[in-house]
C-alpha atoms as a PDB file:
ATOM      1  CA  UNK A   1      13.783  -8.618 -13.308  1.00  0.00           C
ATOM      2  CA  UNK A   2      12.429  -5.993 -15.377  1.00  0.00           C
ATOM      3  CA  UNK A   3       9.197  -4.333 -14.072  1.00  0.00           C
ATOM      4  CA  UNK A   4       6.574  -1.969 -15.614  1.00  0.00           C
ATOM      5  CA  UNK A   5       4.388   0.560 -13.887  1.00  0.00           C
ATOM      6  CA  UNK A   6       2.006   2.487 -15.843  1.00  0.00           C
ATOM      7  CA  UNK A   7      -1.241   4.194 -15.240  1.00  0.00           C
ATOM      8  CA  UNK A   8      -3.837   6.167 -17.249  1.00  0.00           C
ATOM      9  CA  UNK A   9      -6.463   8.609 -15.791  1.00  0.00           C
ATOM     10  CA  UNK A  10      -9.224  10.326 -17.872  1.00  0.00           C
ATOM     11  CA  UNK A  11     -10.732  13.323 -16.039  1.00  0.00           C
ATOM     12  CA  UNK A  12     -14.376  14.167 -16.707  1.00  0.00           C
ATOM     13  CA  UNK A  13     -14.856  10.655 -18.310  1.00  0.00           C
ATOM     14  CA  UNK A  14     -17.752  10.270 -20.731  1.00  0.00           C
ATOM     15  CA  UNK A  15     -18.760  13.943 -19.589  1.00  0.00           C
ATOM     16  CA  UNK A  16     -20.023  12.496 -16.091  1.00  0.00           C
ATOM     17  CA  UNK A  17     -17.469  15.041 -14.042  1.00  0.00           C
ATOM     18  CA  UNK A  18     -15.767  11.775 -12.666  1.00  0.00           C
ATOM     19  CA  UNK A  19     -12.250  10.625 -13.311  1.00  0.00           C
ATOM     20  CA  UNK A  20     -11.838   6.931 -14.361  1.00  0.00           C
ATOM     21  CA  UNK A  21      -8.426   5.373 -14.172  1.00  0.00           C
ATOM     22  CA  UNK A  22      -6.294   2.218 -14.315  1.00  0.00           C
ATOM     23  CA  UNK A  23      -2.968   1.397 -12.607  1.00  0.00           C
ATOM     24  CA  UNK A  24      -0.835  -1.443 -13.595  1.00  0.00           C
ATOM     25  CA  UNK A  25       2.152  -2.787 -11.869  1.00  0.00           C
ATOM     26  CA  UNK A  26       4.295  -5.748 -13.241  1.00  0.00           C
ATOM     27  CA  UNK A  27       7.400  -6.053 -10.931  1.00  0.00           C
ATOM     28  CA  UNK A  28       8.668  -9.431  -9.969  1.00  0.00           C
ATOM     29  CA  UNK A  29       7.335  -9.191  -6.355  1.00  0.00           C
ATOM     30  CA  UNK A  30       4.198  -7.158  -6.871  1.00  0.00           C
ATOM     31  CA  UNK A  31       1.853  -7.427  -9.479  1.00  0.00           C
ATOM     32  CA  UNK A  32      -1.465  -5.520  -9.425  1.00  0.00           C
ATOM     33  CA  UNK A  33      -4.310  -4.155 -11.668  1.00  0.00           C
ATOM     34  CA  UNK A  34      -6.496  -1.298 -10.244  1.00  0.00           C
ATOM     35  CA  UNK A  35      -9.585   0.433 -11.722  1.00  0.00           C
ATOM     36  CA  UNK A  36     -10.767   3.364  -9.976  1.00  0.00           C
ATOM     37  CA  UNK A  37     -13.324   5.866 -10.287  1.00  0.00           C
ATOM     38  CA  UNK A  38     -13.606   9.251  -8.293  1.00  0.00           C
ATOM     39  CA  UNK A  39     -16.358  11.701  -8.043  1.00  0.00           C
ATOM     40  CA  UNK A  40     -14.417  15.025  -6.823  1.00  0.00           C
ATOM     41  CA  UNK A  41     -17.797  16.915  -5.798  1.00  0.00           C
ATOM     42  CA  UNK A  42     -19.919  13.968  -4.607  1.00  0.00           C
ATOM     43  CA  UNK A  43     -21.511  16.589  -2.203  1.00  0.00           C
ATOM     44  CA  UNK A  44     -21.864  20.306  -2.544  1.00  0.00           C
ATOM     45  CA  UNK A  45     -19.451  20.777   0.171  1.00  0.00           C
ATOM     46  CA  UNK A  46     -16.597  19.139  -1.673  1.00  0.00           C
ATOM     47  CA  UNK A  47     -16.661  15.645  -0.309  1.00  0.00           C
ATOM     48  CA  UNK A  48     -15.245  13.110  -2.738  1.00  0.00           C
ATOM     49  CA  UNK A  49     -16.211   9.528  -3.316  1.00  0.00           C
ATOM     50  CA  UNK A  50     -13.837   6.751  -4.666  1.00  0.00           C
ATOM     51  CA  UNK A  51     -14.367   3.301  -5.867  1.00  0.00           C
ATOM     52  CA  UNK A  52     -11.704   1.010  -6.255  1.00  0.00           C
ATOM     53  CA  UNK A  53     -11.508  -2.720  -7.744  1.00  0.00           C
ATOM     54  CA  UNK A  54      -8.196  -4.457  -7.710  1.00  0.00           C
ATOM     55  CA  UNK A  55      -6.409  -7.924  -8.033  1.00  0.00           C
ATOM     56  CA  UNK A  56      -2.921  -8.221  -6.991  1.00  0.00           C
ATOM     57  CA  UNK A  57      -0.540 -11.089  -6.859  1.00  0.00           C
ATOM     58  CA  UNK A  58       2.486 -10.894  -4.344  1.00  0.00           C
ATOM     59  CA  UNK A  59       5.364 -13.140  -4.306  1.00  0.00           C
ATOM     60  CA  UNK A  60       7.478 -12.438  -1.146  1.00  0.00           C
ATOM     61  CA  UNK A  61      11.029 -12.392  -1.809  1.00  0.00           C
ATOM     62  CA  UNK A  62      12.540 -15.934  -1.891  1.00  0.00           C
ATOM     63  CA  UNK A  63      15.485 -17.749  -3.257  1.00  0.00           C
ATOM     64  CA  UNK A  64      13.202 -20.029  -4.913  1.00  0.00           C
ATOM     65  CA  UNK A  65      10.233 -17.739  -5.837  1.00  0.00           C
ATOM     66  CA  UNK A  66       8.048 -20.776  -5.183  1.00  0.00           C
ATOM     67  CA  UNK A  67       4.724 -19.410  -3.523  1.00  0.00           C
ATOM     68  CA  UNK A  68       2.399 -16.284  -3.911  1.00  0.00           C
ATOM     69  CA  UNK A  69      -0.591 -14.461  -2.479  1.00  0.00           C
ATOM     70  CA  UNK A  70      -3.562 -13.351  -4.621  1.00  0.00           C
ATOM     71  CA  UNK A  71      -5.940 -10.673  -3.450  1.00  0.00           C
ATOM     72  CA  UNK A  72      -9.180  -9.675  -5.086  1.00  0.00           C
ATOM     73  CA  UNK A  73     -11.271  -6.823  -3.757  1.00  0.00           C
ATOM     74  CA  UNK A  74     -13.144  -3.691  -3.971  1.00  0.00           C
ATOM     75  CA  UNK A  75     -13.496  -0.621  -1.653  1.00  0.00           C
ATOM     76  CA  UNK A  76     -15.540   2.547  -1.317  1.00  0.00           C
ATOM     77  CA  UNK A  77     -14.023   5.605   0.349  1.00  0.00           C
ATOM     78  CA  UNK A  78     -15.004   9.218   0.938  1.00  0.00           C
ATOM     79  CA  UNK A  79     -12.502  11.939   1.276  1.00  0.00           C
ATOM     80  CA  UNK A  80     -13.810  15.173   3.628  1.00  0.00           C
ATOM     81  CA  UNK A  81     -11.533  18.067   3.225  1.00  0.00           C
ATOM     82  CA  UNK A  82     -11.352  20.400   6.270  1.00  0.00           C
ATOM     83  CA  UNK A  83      -8.645  23.013   5.131  1.00  0.00           C
ATOM     84  CA  UNK A  84      -6.869  23.569   1.713  1.00  0.00           C
ATOM     85  CA  UNK A  85      -4.013  21.052   3.021  1.00  0.00           C
ATOM     86  CA  UNK A  86      -6.202  18.687   5.426  1.00  0.00           C
ATOM     87  CA  UNK A  87      -8.130  15.752   4.417  1.00  0.00           C
ATOM     88  CA  UNK A  88      -9.798  13.172   6.397  1.00  0.00           C
ATOM     89  CA  UNK A  89     -10.636   9.841   4.537  1.00  0.00           C
ATOM     90  CA  UNK A  90     -12.988   6.977   5.524  1.00  0.00           C
ATOM     91  CA  UNK A  91     -14.298   3.892   3.907  1.00  0.00           C
ATOM     92  CA  UNK A  92     -15.084   0.253   3.713  1.00  0.00           C
ATOM     93  CA  UNK A  93     -14.115  -2.719   1.470  1.00  0.00           C
ATOM     94  CA  UNK A  94     -14.564  -6.344   0.834  1.00  0.00           C
ATOM     95  CA  UNK A  95     -11.510  -8.720  -0.248  1.00  0.00           C
ATOM     96  CA  UNK A  96     -10.256 -12.351  -0.616  1.00  0.00           C
ATOM     97  CA  UNK A  97      -6.831 -13.420  -0.394  1.00  0.00           C
ATOM     98  CA  UNK A  98      -5.680 -16.799  -1.459  1.00  0.00           C
ATOM     99  CA  UNK A  99      -2.336 -18.439  -0.258  1.00  0.00           C
ATOM    100  CA  UNK A 100      -0.959 -20.383  -3.169  1.00  0.00           C
ATOM    101  CA  UNK A 101       1.612 -22.862  -1.885  1.00  0.00           C
ATOM    102  CA  UNK A 102       3.736 -23.449  -5.089  1.00  0.00           C
ATOM    103  CA  UNK A 103       6.679 -25.825  -4.469  1.00  0.00           C
ATOM    104  CA  UNK A 104       7.844 -24.679  -1.104  1.00  0.00           C
ATOM    105  CA  UNK A 105       5.456 -22.765   1.315  1.00  0.00           C
ATOM    106  CA  UNK A 106       7.208 -21.415   4.478  1.00  0.00           C
ATOM    107  CA  UNK A 107       6.276 -23.243   7.711  1.00  0.00           C
ATOM    108  CA  UNK A 108       4.747 -19.790   9.161  1.00  0.00           C
ATOM    109  CA  UNK A 109       2.386 -20.014   6.202  1.00  0.00           C
ATOM    110  CA  UNK A 110       1.407 -23.571   6.563  1.00  0.00           C
ATOM    111  CA  UNK A 111       0.671 -23.239  10.118  1.00  0.00           C
ATOM    112  CA  UNK A 112      -1.397 -20.148   9.602  1.00  0.00           C
ATOM    113  CA  UNK A 113      -3.354 -22.080   6.736  1.00  0.00           C
ATOM    114  CA  UNK A 114      -4.018 -25.340   8.724  1.00  0.00           C
ATOM    115  CA  UNK A 115      -5.728 -23.141  11.224  1.00  0.00           C
ATOM    116  CA  UNK A 116      -7.424 -20.707   9.271  1.00  0.00           C
ATOM    117  CA  UNK A 117      -7.274 -21.931   5.563  1.00  0.00           C
ATOM    118  CA  UNK A 118      -5.699 -21.031   2.472  1.00  0.00           C
ATOM    119  CA  UNK A 119      -8.403 -18.575   1.329  1.00  0.00           C
ATOM    120  CA  UNK A 120      -9.521 -15.724   3.629  1.00  0.00           C
ATOM    121  CA  UNK A 121     -12.482 -13.291   3.181  1.00  0.00           C
ATOM    122  CA  UNK A 122     -12.255 -10.023   4.863  1.00  0.00           C
ATOM    123  CA  UNK A 123     -14.249  -6.852   5.539  1.00  0.00           C
ATOM    124  CA  UNK A 124     -11.579  -4.040   6.389  1.00  0.00           C
ATOM    125  CA  UNK A 125     -12.980  -0.640   7.432  1.00  0.00           C
ATOM    126  CA  UNK A 126     -10.589   2.245   6.799  1.00  0.00           C
ATOM    127  CA  UNK A 127      -9.735   5.574   8.429  1.00  0.00           C
ATOM    128  CA  UNK A 128      -6.976   8.338   7.609  1.00  0.00           C
ATOM    129  CA  UNK A 129      -5.927  11.810   7.536  1.00  0.00           C
ATOM    130  CA  UNK A 130      -3.464  13.465   5.295  1.00  0.00           C
ATOM    131  CA  UNK A 131      -1.853  17.056   5.196  1.00  0.00           C
ATOM    132  CA  UNK A 132       0.064  18.162   2.127  1.00  0.00           C
ATOM    133  CA  UNK A 133       2.029  21.420   1.836  1.00  0.00           C
ATOM    134  CA  UNK A 134       4.296  20.465  -0.934  1.00  0.00           C
ATOM    135  CA  UNK A 135       4.511  22.594  -3.949  1.00  0.00           C
ATOM    136  CA  UNK A 136       4.082  19.523  -6.172  1.00  0.00           C
ATOM    137  CA  UNK A 137       2.609  16.156  -5.690  1.00  0.00           C
ATOM    138  CA  UNK A 138       4.736  14.834  -8.400  1.00  0.00           C
ATOM    139  CA  UNK A 139       8.131  16.456  -8.355  1.00  0.00           C
ATOM    140  CA  UNK A 140       8.282  18.242  -4.895  1.00  0.00           C
ATOM    141  CA  UNK A 141      10.974  20.757  -4.326  1.00  0.00           C
ATOM    142  CA  UNK A 142       9.735  22.113  -0.922  1.00  0.00           C
ATOM    143  CA  UNK A 143       7.049  21.480   1.662  1.00  0.00           C
ATOM    144  CA  UNK A 144       5.578  18.675   3.932  1.00  0.00           C
ATOM    145  CA  UNK A 145       3.543  15.696   3.488  1.00  0.00           C
ATOM    146  CA  UNK A 146       1.921  13.547   6.453  1.00  0.00           C
ATOM    147  CA  UNK A 147      -0.460  10.962   6.618  1.00  0.00           C
ATOM    148  CA  UNK A 148      -2.040   8.283   9.140  1.00  0.00           C
ATOM    149  CA  UNK A 149      -3.993   5.268   7.949  1.00  0.00           C
ATOM    150  CA  UNK A 150      -5.786   2.948  10.109  1.00  0.00           C
ATOM    151  CA  UNK A 151      -7.257  -0.326   9.154  1.00  0.00           C
ATOM    152  CA  UNK A 152      -9.836  -2.383  11.155  1.00  0.00           C
ATOM    153  CA  UNK A 153     -10.571  -5.935   9.948  1.00  0.00           C
ATOM    154  CA  UNK A 154     -14.210  -6.399  11.383  1.00  0.00           C
ATOM    155  CA  UNK A 155     -15.935  -9.501   9.119  1.00  0.00           C
ATOM    156  CA  UNK A 156     -15.005 -12.519   7.423  1.00  0.00           C
ATOM    157  CA  UNK A 157     -12.135 -14.927   8.463  1.00  0.00           C
ATOM    158  CA  UNK A 158      -9.837 -12.173   9.949  1.00  0.00           C
ATOM    159  CA  UNK A 159      -9.874  -9.853  12.807  1.00  0.00           C
ATOM    160  CA  UNK A 160      -7.132  -7.271  13.117  1.00  0.00           C
ATOM    161  CA  UNK A 161      -6.109  -3.435  13.571  1.00  0.00           C
ATOM    162  CA  UNK A 162      -3.163  -1.749  11.511  1.00  0.00           C
ATOM    163  CA  UNK A 163      -1.941   1.670  11.732  1.00  0.00           C
ATOM    164  CA  UNK A 164       0.645   3.572   9.793  1.00  0.00           C
ATOM    165  CA  UNK A 165       2.194   7.002   9.695  1.00  0.00           C
ATOM    166  CA  UNK A 166       4.356   8.656   7.053  1.00  0.00           C
ATOM    167  CA  UNK A 167       6.307  11.808   7.305  1.00  0.00           C
ATOM    168  CA  UNK A 168       8.158  13.280   4.271  1.00  0.00           C
ATOM    169  CA  UNK A 169      10.050  16.861   4.165  1.00  0.00           C
ATOM    170  CA  UNK A 170      11.549  18.619   1.172  1.00  0.00           C
ATOM    171  CA  UNK A 171      14.117  21.131   1.342  1.00  0.00           C
ATOM    172  CA  UNK A 172      15.220  22.941  -1.999  1.00  0.00           C
ATOM    173  CA  UNK A 173      18.955  22.939  -2.448  1.00  0.00           C
ATOM    174  CA  UNK A 174      18.374  24.744  -5.788  1.00  0.00           C
ATOM    175  CA  UNK A 175      15.664  24.906  -8.579  1.00  0.00           C
ATOM    176  CA  UNK A 176      16.668  21.430  -9.729  1.00  0.00           C
ATOM    177  CA  UNK A 177      18.196  19.733  -6.523  1.00  0.00           C
ATOM    178  CA  UNK A 178      16.190  18.888  -3.426  1.00  0.00           C
ATOM    179  CA  UNK A 179      17.087  17.242  -0.171  1.00  0.00           C
ATOM    180  CA  UNK A 180      14.220  15.040   1.138  1.00  0.00           C
ATOM    181  CA  UNK A 181      13.721  12.844   4.301  1.00  0.00           C
ATOM    182  CA  UNK A 182      11.155  10.009   4.680  1.00  0.00           C
ATOM    183  CA  UNK A 183       9.958   8.181   7.885  1.00  0.00           C
ATOM    184  CA  UNK A 184       7.374   5.440   7.524  1.00  0.00           C
ATOM    185  CA  UNK A 185       6.058   3.665  10.733  1.00  0.00           C
ATOM    186  CA  UNK A 186       3.530   0.784  10.726  1.00  0.00           C
ATOM    187  CA  UNK A 187       2.124  -1.722  13.141  1.00  0.00           C
ATOM    188  CA  UNK A 188      -0.439  -4.456  13.057  1.00  0.00           C
ATOM    189  CA  UNK A 189      -2.429  -6.525  15.825  1.00  0.00           C
ATOM    190  CA  UNK A 190      -4.628  -9.397  15.567  1.00  0.00           C
ATOM    191  CA  UNK A 191      -8.033  -9.321  17.551  1.00  0.00           C
ATOM    192  CA  UNK A 192     -10.493 -11.654  19.186  1.00  0.00           C
ATOM    193  CA  UNK A 193      -7.650 -14.331  19.833  1.00  0.00           C
ATOM    194  CA  UNK A 194      -6.531 -14.456  16.205  1.00  0.00           C
ATOM    195  CA  UNK A 195      -2.985 -13.720  15.061  1.00  0.00           C
ATOM    196  CA  UNK A 196      -2.290 -10.691  12.658  1.00  0.00           C
ATOM    197  CA  UNK A 197      -2.984 -12.044   8.984  1.00  0.00           C
ATOM    198  CA  UNK A 198       0.483 -13.095   7.635  1.00  0.00           C
ATOM    199  CA  UNK A 199      -0.715 -11.778   4.167  1.00  0.00           C
ATOM    200  CA  UNK A 200      -1.062  -8.147   5.819  1.00  0.00           C
ATOM    201  CA  UNK A 201       2.481  -8.197   6.958  1.00  0.00           C
ATOM    202  CA  UNK A 202       4.784  -5.266   6.343  1.00  0.00           C
ATOM    203  CA  UNK A 203       7.961  -5.447   4.181  1.00  0.00           C
ATOM    204  CA  UNK A 204      11.026  -3.428   3.590  1.00  0.00           C
ATOM    205  CA  UNK A 205      13.329  -3.071   0.663  1.00  0.00           C
ATOM    206  CA  UNK A 206      13.204  -1.694  -2.817  1.00  0.00           C
ATOM    207  CA  UNK A 207      11.792   1.460  -4.401  1.00  0.00           C
ATOM    208  CA  UNK A 208       9.837   3.491  -1.959  1.00  0.00           C
ATOM    209  CA  UNK A 209      11.666   1.837   0.976  1.00  0.00           C
ATOM    210  CA  UNK A 210      15.304   1.064   1.081  1.00  0.00           C
ATOM    211  CA  UNK A 211      16.992   1.350  -2.314  1.00  0.00           C
ATOM    212  CA  UNK A 212      19.764  -1.223  -3.241  1.00  0.00           C
ATOM    213  CA  UNK A 213      17.807  -4.071  -1.869  1.00  0.00           C
ATOM    214  CA  UNK A 214      15.327  -6.404  -3.520  1.00  0.00           C
ATOM    215  CA  UNK A 215      11.678  -5.606  -3.121  1.00  0.00           C
ATOM    216  CA  UNK A 216      10.339  -6.928   0.257  1.00  0.00           C
ATOM    217  CA  UNK A 217      13.691  -8.599   1.115  1.00  0.00           C
ATOM    218  CA  UNK A 218      14.382  -6.957   4.499  1.00  0.00           C
ATOM    219  CA  UNK A 219      12.981  -8.364   7.784  1.00  0.00           C
ATOM    220  CA  UNK A 220      12.647 -11.912   9.043  1.00  0.00           C
ATOM    221  CA  UNK A 221      13.360 -14.690   6.691  1.00  0.00           C
ATOM    222  CA  UNK A 222      12.081 -18.291   6.673  1.00  0.00           C
ATOM    223  CA  UNK A 223      15.171 -20.525   7.319  1.00  0.00           C
ATOM    224  CA  UNK A 224      14.222 -23.401   5.024  1.00  0.00           C
ATOM    225  CA  UNK A 225      13.622 -21.645   1.790  1.00  0.00           C
ATOM    226  CA  UNK A 226      15.024 -17.973   2.465  1.00  0.00           C
ATOM    227  CA  UNK A 227      11.544 -16.448   1.971  1.00  0.00           C
ATOM    228  CA  UNK A 228      10.915 -13.009   3.446  1.00  0.00           C
ATOM    229  CA  UNK A 229       8.125 -13.160   5.991  1.00  0.00           C
ATOM    230  CA  UNK A 230       7.754  -9.609   6.716  1.00  0.00           C
ATOM    231  CA  UNK A 231       6.392  -8.441  10.150  1.00  0.00           C
ATOM    232  CA  UNK A 232       3.588  -6.644  12.139  1.00  0.00           C
ATOM    233  CA  UNK A 233       5.885  -3.847  12.693  1.00  0.00           C
ATOM    234  CA  UNK A 234       7.951  -1.649  10.370  1.00  0.00           C
ATOM    235  CA  UNK A 235      10.352   1.248  10.724  1.00  0.00           C
ATOM    236  CA  UNK A 236      11.930   2.961   7.625  1.00  0.00           C
ATOM    237  CA  UNK A 237      13.985   6.142   7.527  1.00  0.00           C
ATOM    238  CA  UNK A 238      15.297   7.584   4.398  1.00  0.00           C
ATOM    239  CA  UNK A 239      17.597  10.669   3.317  1.00  0.00           C
ATOM    240  CA  UNK A 240      18.127  11.230  -0.153  1.00  0.00           C
ATOM    241  CA  UNK A 241      18.836  14.010  -2.843  1.00  0.00           C
ATOM    242  CA  UNK A 242      16.531  14.219  -5.640  1.00  0.00           C
ATOM    243  CA  UNK A 243      18.208  15.283  -8.794  1.00  0.00           C
ATOM    244  CA  UNK A 244      16.845  15.717 -12.475  1.00  0.00           C
ATOM    245  CA  UNK A 245      17.017  12.917 -15.166  1.00  0.00           C
ATOM    246  CA  UNK A 246      20.137  13.675 -17.203  1.00  0.00           C
ATOM    247  CA  UNK A 247      19.789  14.777 -20.687  1.00  0.00           C
END
């Protein structure tokens, strides 16, 4: 189906020096609205502060498209620059996720909901590191990007740890053509005798993952309705040539 992704950002909103933005995604499997504001100089040392408020509806790939996950939350995070290319991030948030059964809920979700409920509240703590030497964040022709993210569910109804690592390298073939490599790894684990939350599972397929496949369609599948369940581990490797738009 047709999806729309759009974003609007205003620097120095209302003369405050802060940026204000909204991001909207209306794809079939992932619909989200994110309102965000960032103070790039929260401290005199250049520490940034960002606040996000978001609502997203995820419809894991199924033959019948019969159930969804709805998450509403808010987060506060800080970015601490160590060099011109290295930044460390840390923050905390609160969120609520609802499992909406629809007409056919996969057995794995039914089992999880019967034990922990259809609504889960969480308090995730986050930490991350990023190094960016690309010549452009939007249309890179050369350089490297790396990031490590960690999330620790410490409160509410969930207890878990998850970590991810992404590596991207760009080699210029010419001024207009670029050869790119992307590696993306992720792992999650439940804590305190609880399983890793199903709604935190990782998925493969679609833009930003494996082109040519439906968004989130790769991985473990529910036998009864063909629903994609994702998993607590992910490995994704991509090679591609980036070309300019024709015209």
